[in-house]
Structures are given as C-alpha cells and as structure tokens.
C-alpha cells in the first residue's frame, strides 16, 4: 500500500525493539488468518478477525485512513485473490474458493511504530505451477533479506529478489516495491524487486525495511481496478506476494514480523 515517501531514518536498538512488538502482533494476525482461512468464507470475515485482534492488543491498523484516489482505505488488511497482486479490498461479496491463492497484507501500529507483513496462502489443491509461484516468491523474500547486511546496498537486495524470479521463469511486478518503515508505514528508501542502474543507498545498522516481492506467472504488466485500490495482473495470470519488515543490525538482518525466534536472524552475508 503506497503512501507518501519520507526521509530515511536510522532506528536505535530500543526503537527496533518497539517495532518488533508491532511486528509480532502482525505475525500473530497472519498466523490466525492461516488457521481460519477456508473455502466459503468472505474476505470481509478475514478483515473482521484481523481488526478484532489488532484492537484487542491495543494497537491500530496501519492501513485504515491511508488516502487513495477514491477516498481513504477503511480496512485492517488487504486480501488479494488469484490474479489480484496487492491491495485487494475486503468485501462480503468476495468469497474464498477451493484452489485459490489468497494473499493477505497486514499492518499494525503500537505506540507509534509500524509492523507490516504479507503472506500468500494456498487454499486446497492447486496446479503445480501455482505452488511453484508461491514457493518462489517466498524464497525471493528470504533471499532479499539475506542480502540486507551492513556494507551492501539496496541494489543487492533487489538483485537477490530478481535472481529468484529469473531462475523460476516468473515476472516481477515493477510499479509496487518494498520500502523503509518506522513511525511511518512508508518511508524512504524504496526497495525495488528488480535491478536498477545504480546500486542505491548503502545499508547500515538501524535501517529498517519492508522487503516484499510480488511475482506473476504471466507478463509483468498490471492494472488497477475501478475501486482505485485492487491491483491485478493485466493478463489474468496468478500472482503471489510475501513481505517481512526487517532491521539491519551489525549482526545481520533481523526479521521483525516473526514469532519464530530461530528465523529472526539470518546468516550474515559478506559485504561486497
């Protein structure tokens, strides 16, 4: 969900710990939605579950009130199904079906700090190509995170993500990218999921980023629905979306939107 860009800020260890509180709530919500997700439920039901969990934790949904071309966003989550890439709007008319790919994006604010993450769920049985798409998009997210070490650059994250797409013959969504995160949901710098001519900003401890690859089975072109929010593939092909918020530390990248302590840190990669 795109917002106004802000200046780059580096966070202290104490601030990163506060972001991790919001991040763990986001992970809890995504875990719960994975348990609840089933054929026949509406995307609005998923939104209500998320809203209740976020409210019960004394937090605020990050997405509510984000301005859009046809008014502010009104939901706690985005739910995108099959050919929808991102920003799908929950509705009582949108029903999850057997064989669907369901991408859920969740954001929460606790004491002024944001957590932001997304996962694509497989509902029931799907073709092998759909499963490979989901697996590769998740793989690309972790490849990008592993590249986020001090001394490297934003472009190294982008290259790591794109390399996974190339290896699997998938297209990368270009208009929507990762971003900085902190007291604003969208801060600088942007984190493309594809290479640019420049390597971009150098990475340093305290920089917090949301790394979020979006891959498609078909062509890379996307379009926005008449609701002003829902982004879908132009050719109707399937899409997948994964996202973690991370902090770059001297010890390596730390995943902030996880409840699995073993996965919060990845091996440090040698800066090049």
Protein backbone atom coordinates (compact mmCIF):
# COMPACT_ATOMS: atom_id res chain seq x y z
CA UNK A 1 0.00 0.00 0.00
CA UNK A 2 1.76 3.09 -1.27
CA UNK A 3 1.98 6.20 0.89
CA UNK A 4 3.90 9.48 0.80
CA UNK A 5 7.65 9.00 0.88
CA UNK A 6 9.55 10.18 3.95
CA UNK A 7 13.22 10.86 4.66
CA UNK A 8 15.47 7.96 5.59
CA UNK A 9 15.77 7.44 9.34
CA UNK A 10 18.02 5.09 11.31
CA UNK A 11 16.49 3.45 14.37
CA UNK A 12 18.16 2.83 17.71
CA UNK A 13 18.20 -0.61 19.31
CA UNK A 14 15.44 0.49 21.67
CA UNK A 15 13.31 1.71 18.75
CA UNK A 16 13.86 -1.54 16.87
CA UNK A 17 12.62 -3.45 19.91
CA UNK A 18 9.46 -1.33 19.88
CA UNK A 19 8.99 -2.09 16.19
CA UNK A 20 9.36 -5.78 16.97
CA UNK A 21 6.37 -5.58 19.31
CA UNK A 22 4.19 -4.35 16.43
CA UNK A 23 5.80 -6.91 14.15
CA UNK A 24 4.98 -9.83 16.42
CA UNK A 25 1.34 -8.74 16.51
CA UNK A 26 1.28 -8.71 12.71
CA UNK A 27 2.74 -12.23 12.71
CA UNK A 28 0.08 -13.35 15.21
CA UNK A 29 -2.66 -11.99 12.95
CA UNK A 30 -1.25 -13.74 9.87
CA UNK A 31 -0.94 -17.00 11.83
CA UNK A 32 -4.56 -16.75 12.97
CA UNK A 33 -5.83 -15.95 9.49
CA UNK A 34 -3.99 -19.01 8.17
CA UNK A 35 -5.90 -21.11 10.70
CA UNK A 36 -9.25 -19.55 9.85
CA UNK A 37 -8.92 -19.43 6.07
CA UNK A 38 -11.22 -21.90 4.32
CA UNK A 39 -13.35 -22.17 1.19
CA UNK A 40 -16.67 -20.34 1.50
CA UNK A 41 -15.59 -17.58 3.86
CA UNK A 42 -15.62 -13.98 2.71
CA UNK A 43 -12.67 -11.66 2.66
CA UNK A 44 -14.64 -9.34 4.95
CA UNK A 45 -14.70 -12.12 7.57
CA UNK A 46 -10.90 -12.24 7.42
CA UNK A 47 -10.79 -8.48 7.87
CA UNK A 48 -13.04 -8.62 10.94
CA UNK A 49 -10.81 -11.23 12.58
CA UNK A 50 -7.75 -9.08 11.98
CA UNK A 51 -9.47 -5.92 13.22
CA UNK A 52 -10.57 -7.64 16.43
CA UNK A 53 -7.07 -9.00 17.11
CA UNK A 54 -5.37 -5.67 16.45
CA UNK A 55 -7.88 -3.82 18.63
CA UNK A 56 -7.62 -6.36 21.46
CA UNK A 57 -3.85 -5.78 21.53
CA UNK A 58 -4.37 -2.04 21.97
CA UNK A 59 -2.96 -1.41 18.51
CA UNK A 60 -4.19 0.49 15.45
CA UNK A 61 -4.41 -0.91 11.89
CA UNK A 62 -1.77 0.75 9.71
CA UNK A 63 -3.94 0.73 6.60
CA UNK A 64 -7.09 2.44 7.89
CA UNK A 65 -7.14 6.03 6.68
CA UNK A 66 -4.45 5.70 4.01
CA UNK A 67 -5.56 8.12 1.28
CA UNK A 68 -6.49 6.76 -2.13
CA UNK A 69 -7.82 8.06 -5.44
CA UNK A 70 -11.42 7.38 -4.38
CA UNK A 71 -11.21 8.01 -0.66
CA UNK A 72 -9.33 6.65 2.33
CA UNK A 73 -8.85 2.93 2.89
CA UNK A 74 -11.26 1.54 5.50
CA UNK A 75 -9.97 -1.95 6.34
CA UNK A 76 -7.39 -3.57 8.60
CA UNK A 77 -5.98 -5.83 5.89
CA UNK A 78 -5.68 -6.20 2.14
CA UNK A 79 -6.82 -9.52 0.66
CA UNK A 80 -5.84 -10.32 -2.92
CA UNK A 81 -7.07 -13.49 -4.64
CA UNK A 82 -5.57 -15.33 -7.64
CA UNK A 83 -4.84 -12.69 -10.32
CA UNK A 84 -5.03 -9.86 -7.77
CA UNK A 85 -1.50 -8.81 -6.84
CA UNK A 86 -1.92 -6.40 -3.91
CA UNK A 87 -4.38 -4.04 -2.22
CA UNK A 88 -7.46 -6.22 -2.66
CA UNK A 89 -10.33 -4.66 -0.68
CA UNK A 90 -12.21 -6.96 1.74
CA UNK A 91 -15.87 -7.42 0.88
CA UNK A 92 -18.83 -9.59 1.87
CA UNK A 93 -19.18 -10.37 -1.86
CA UNK A 94 -15.66 -11.73 -2.32
CA UNK A 95 -15.60 -15.41 -1.35
CA UNK A 96 -12.56 -17.66 -0.96
CA UNK A 97 -12.79 -20.72 -3.23
CA UNK A 98 -11.15 -24.13 -3.22
CA UNK A 99 -7.94 -23.87 -5.23
CA UNK A 100 -7.45 -20.13 -4.61
CA UNK A 101 -4.22 -18.29 -3.92
CA UNK A 102 -5.02 -15.76 -1.19
CA UNK A 103 -2.50 -13.01 -0.42
CA UNK A 104 -3.03 -11.18 2.87
CA UNK A 105 -1.20 -7.97 3.83
CA UNK A 106 -1.38 -6.80 7.46
CA UNK A 107 -0.10 -3.65 9.15
CA UNK A 108 -0.34 -2.59 12.80
CA UNK A 109 0.84 0.37 14.88
CA UNK A 110 1.82 0.08 18.55
CA UNK A 111 2.96 3.20 20.40
CA UNK A 112 3.63 4.92 17.08
CA UNK A 113 5.70 2.14 15.46
CA UNK A 114 4.60 0.08 12.47
CA UNK A 115 4.82 -3.59 11.61
CA UNK A 116 4.00 -4.69 8.04
CA UNK A 117 4.00 -8.18 6.53
CA UNK A 118 2.23 -10.28 3.91
CA UNK A 119 1.83 -13.94 3.01
CA UNK A 120 0.21 -15.87 0.18
CA UNK A 121 -1.84 -18.87 1.28
CA UNK A 122 -2.79 -21.87 -0.84
CA UNK A 123 -6.39 -22.97 -0.28
CA UNK A 124 -6.82 -26.65 -1.08
CA UNK A 125 -5.30 -28.23 -4.16
CA UNK A 126 -3.71 -26.08 -6.86
CA UNK A 127 -1.74 -26.80 -10.06
CA UNK A 128 1.99 -27.34 -9.71
CA UNK A 129 2.69 -24.01 -11.43
CA UNK A 130 0.69 -22.14 -8.79
CA UNK A 131 2.54 -23.86 -5.95
CA UNK A 132 5.90 -23.11 -7.58
CA UNK A 133 4.89 -19.45 -7.88
CA UNK A 134 4.10 -19.23 -4.17
CA UNK A 135 7.24 -21.10 -3.14
CA UNK A 136 9.47 -18.97 -5.37
CA UNK A 137 8.00 -15.70 -4.11
CA UNK A 138 8.63 -16.75 -0.51
CA UNK A 139 12.15 -17.86 -1.47
CA UNK A 140 12.81 -14.47 -3.08
CA UNK A 141 11.75 -12.62 0.07
CA UNK A 142 14.26 -14.55 2.16
CA UNK A 143 16.95 -14.11 -0.48
CA UNK A 144 16.39 -10.36 -0.33
CA UNK A 145 16.50 -10.39 3.46
CA UNK A 146 19.73 -12.39 3.49
CA UNK A 147 21.33 -9.72 1.26
CA UNK A 148 20.40 -6.93 3.70
CA UNK A 149 23.68 -6.65 5.57
CA UNK A 150 25.79 -3.62 6.50
CA UNK A 151 28.15 -2.55 3.76
CA UNK A 152 25.96 -3.77 0.93
CA UNK A 153 23.39 -1.68 -0.95
CA UNK A 154 19.67 -1.57 -1.68
CA UNK A 155 20.50 -2.82 -5.16
CA UNK A 156 21.91 -6.03 -3.71
CA UNK A 157 18.53 -6.78 -2.15
CA UNK A 158 16.83 -6.03 -5.46
CA UNK A 159 19.23 -8.27 -7.39
CA UNK A 160 18.78 -11.17 -4.96
CA UNK A 161 15.00 -10.97 -5.36
CA UNK A 162 15.09 -10.68 -9.14
CA UNK A 163 17.52 -13.58 -9.48
CA UNK A 164 14.95 -15.91 -7.92
CA UNK A 165 12.27 -14.72 -10.36
CA UNK A 166 14.61 -15.25 -13.30
CA UNK A 167 15.58 -18.73 -12.11
CA UNK A 168 11.92 -19.76 -11.96
CA UNK A 169 10.79 -18.00 -15.15
CA UNK A 170 8.48 -15.60 -13.32
CA UNK A 171 7.64 -11.93 -13.90
CA UNK A 172 8.32 -9.22 -11.31
CA UNK A 173 5.76 -6.52 -10.52
CA UNK A 174 7.51 -3.20 -11.09
CA UNK A 175 5.15 -0.35 -10.08
CA UNK A 176 4.91 -1.58 -6.46
CA UNK A 177 8.05 -2.05 -4.36
CA UNK A 178 9.37 -2.50 -0.85
CA UNK A 179 10.11 0.47 1.39
CA UNK A 180 11.53 1.85 4.58
CA UNK A 181 9.38 1.56 7.69
CA UNK A 182 9.27 3.04 11.18
CA UNK A 183 6.97 5.69 12.61
CA UNK A 184 5.54 5.91 9.09
CA UNK A 185 4.33 2.86 7.20
CA UNK A 186 6.13 4.03 4.06
CA UNK A 187 9.48 5.72 4.48
CA UNK A 188 12.44 6.08 2.18
CA UNK A 189 14.28 4.30 0.73
CA UNK A 190 12.28 2.37 -1.81
CA UNK A 191 13.34 -1.24 -2.30
CA UNK A 192 12.66 -2.41 -5.89
CA UNK A 193 12.34 -6.12 -6.62
CA UNK A 194 14.43 -5.75 -9.76
CA UNK A 195 17.82 -4.33 -10.70
CA UNK A 196 18.37 -0.65 -11.39
CA UNK A 197 21.37 1.05 -12.99
CA UNK A 198 22.51 2.31 -9.58
CA UNK A 199 23.21 0.09 -6.54
CA UNK A 200 21.33 2.63 -4.45
CA UNK A 201 21.77 3.57 -0.81
CA UNK A 202 24.40 1.83 1.26
CA UNK A 203 22.96 -0.35 4.03
CA UNK A 204 23.86 0.40 7.65
CA UNK A 205 22.70 -0.71 11.09
CA UNK A 206 19.45 0.91 12.16
CA UNK A 207 17.90 0.98 8.69
CA UNK A 208 14.51 -0.76 8.77
CA UNK A 209 12.94 -2.03 5.57
CA UNK A 210 9.86 -3.87 4.33
CA UNK A 211 11.04 -6.35 1.71
CA UNK A 212 8.12 -7.57 -0.39
CA UNK A 213 8.49 -9.41 -3.70
CA UNK A 214 5.42 -9.73 -5.92
CA UNK A 215 5.74 -12.30 -8.71
CA UNK A 216 3.41 -13.39 -11.52
CA UNK A 217 3.14 -16.42 -13.77
CA UNK A 218 2.41 -14.27 -16.84
CA UNK A 219 3.53 -10.91 -18.16
CA UNK A 220 4.76 -8.15 -15.85
CA UNK A 221 2.02 -5.63 -16.68
CA UNK A 222 -0.59 -4.87 -14.01
CA UNK A 223 -3.72 -2.71 -13.84
CA UNK A 224 -5.78 -1.11 -11.09
CA UNK A 225 -9.49 -1.89 -10.73
CA UNK A 226 -12.22 0.73 -10.71
CA UNK A 227 -12.20 0.68 -6.87
CA UNK A 228 -8.91 2.58 -7.07
CA UNK A 229 -7.10 0.00 -4.90
CA UNK A 230 -7.07 -3.55 -6.24
CA UNK A 231 -4.03 -4.25 -8.42
CA UNK A 232 -4.29 -7.28 -10.68
CA UNK A 233 -2.28 -8.87 -13.47
CA UNK A 234 -3.17 -7.46 -16.87
CA UNK A 235 -3.28 -10.91 -18.48
CA UNK A 236 -5.24 -12.65 -15.72
CA UNK A 237 -2.31 -14.80 -14.60
CA UNK A 238 -1.79 -15.80 -10.98
CA UNK A 239 0.21 -13.62 -8.59
CA UNK A 240 1.84 -14.10 -5.18
CA UNK A 241 3.10 -11.67 -2.53
CA UNK A 242 5.30 -12.10 0.55
CA UNK A 243 6.62 -9.42 2.91
CA UNK A 244 8.62 -9.11 6.11
CA UNK A 245 9.69 -5.98 7.97
CA UNK A 246 13.35 -6.21 8.96
CA UNK A 247 16.02 -4.27 10.81
CA UNK A 248 19.60 -4.19 9.57
CA UNK A 249 21.94 -4.80 12.51
CA UNK A 250 25.68 -5.28 12.89
CA UNK A 251 24.97 -8.98 13.44
CA UNK A 252 22.89 -9.32 10.27
CA UNK A 253 19.28 -8.79 9.19
CA UNK A 254 16.67 -9.22 11.91
CA UNK A 255 13.13 -10.15 10.91
CA UNK A 256 10.71 -8.06 12.98
CA UNK A 257 7.45 -9.61 11.75
CA UNK A 258 8.03 -13.14 13.01
CA UNK A 259 7.23 -15.11 16.15
CA UNK A 260 9.85 -17.74 15.36
CA UNK A 261 12.99 -16.80 17.25
CA UNK A 262 15.07 -19.22 15.18
CA UNK A 263 14.13 -17.39 11.96
CA UNK A 264 14.54 -13.84 13.26
CA UNK A 265 18.20 -13.74 12.25
CA UNK A 266 19.69 -14.99 9.02
CA UNK A 267 23.38 -15.76 8.40
CA UNK A 268 25.44 -12.65 7.79
CA UNK A 269 26.50 -12.32 4.17
CA UNK A 270 29.90 -10.88 3.31
CA UNK A 271 29.63 -7.27 2.15
CA UNK A 272 30.78 -6.70 -1.42
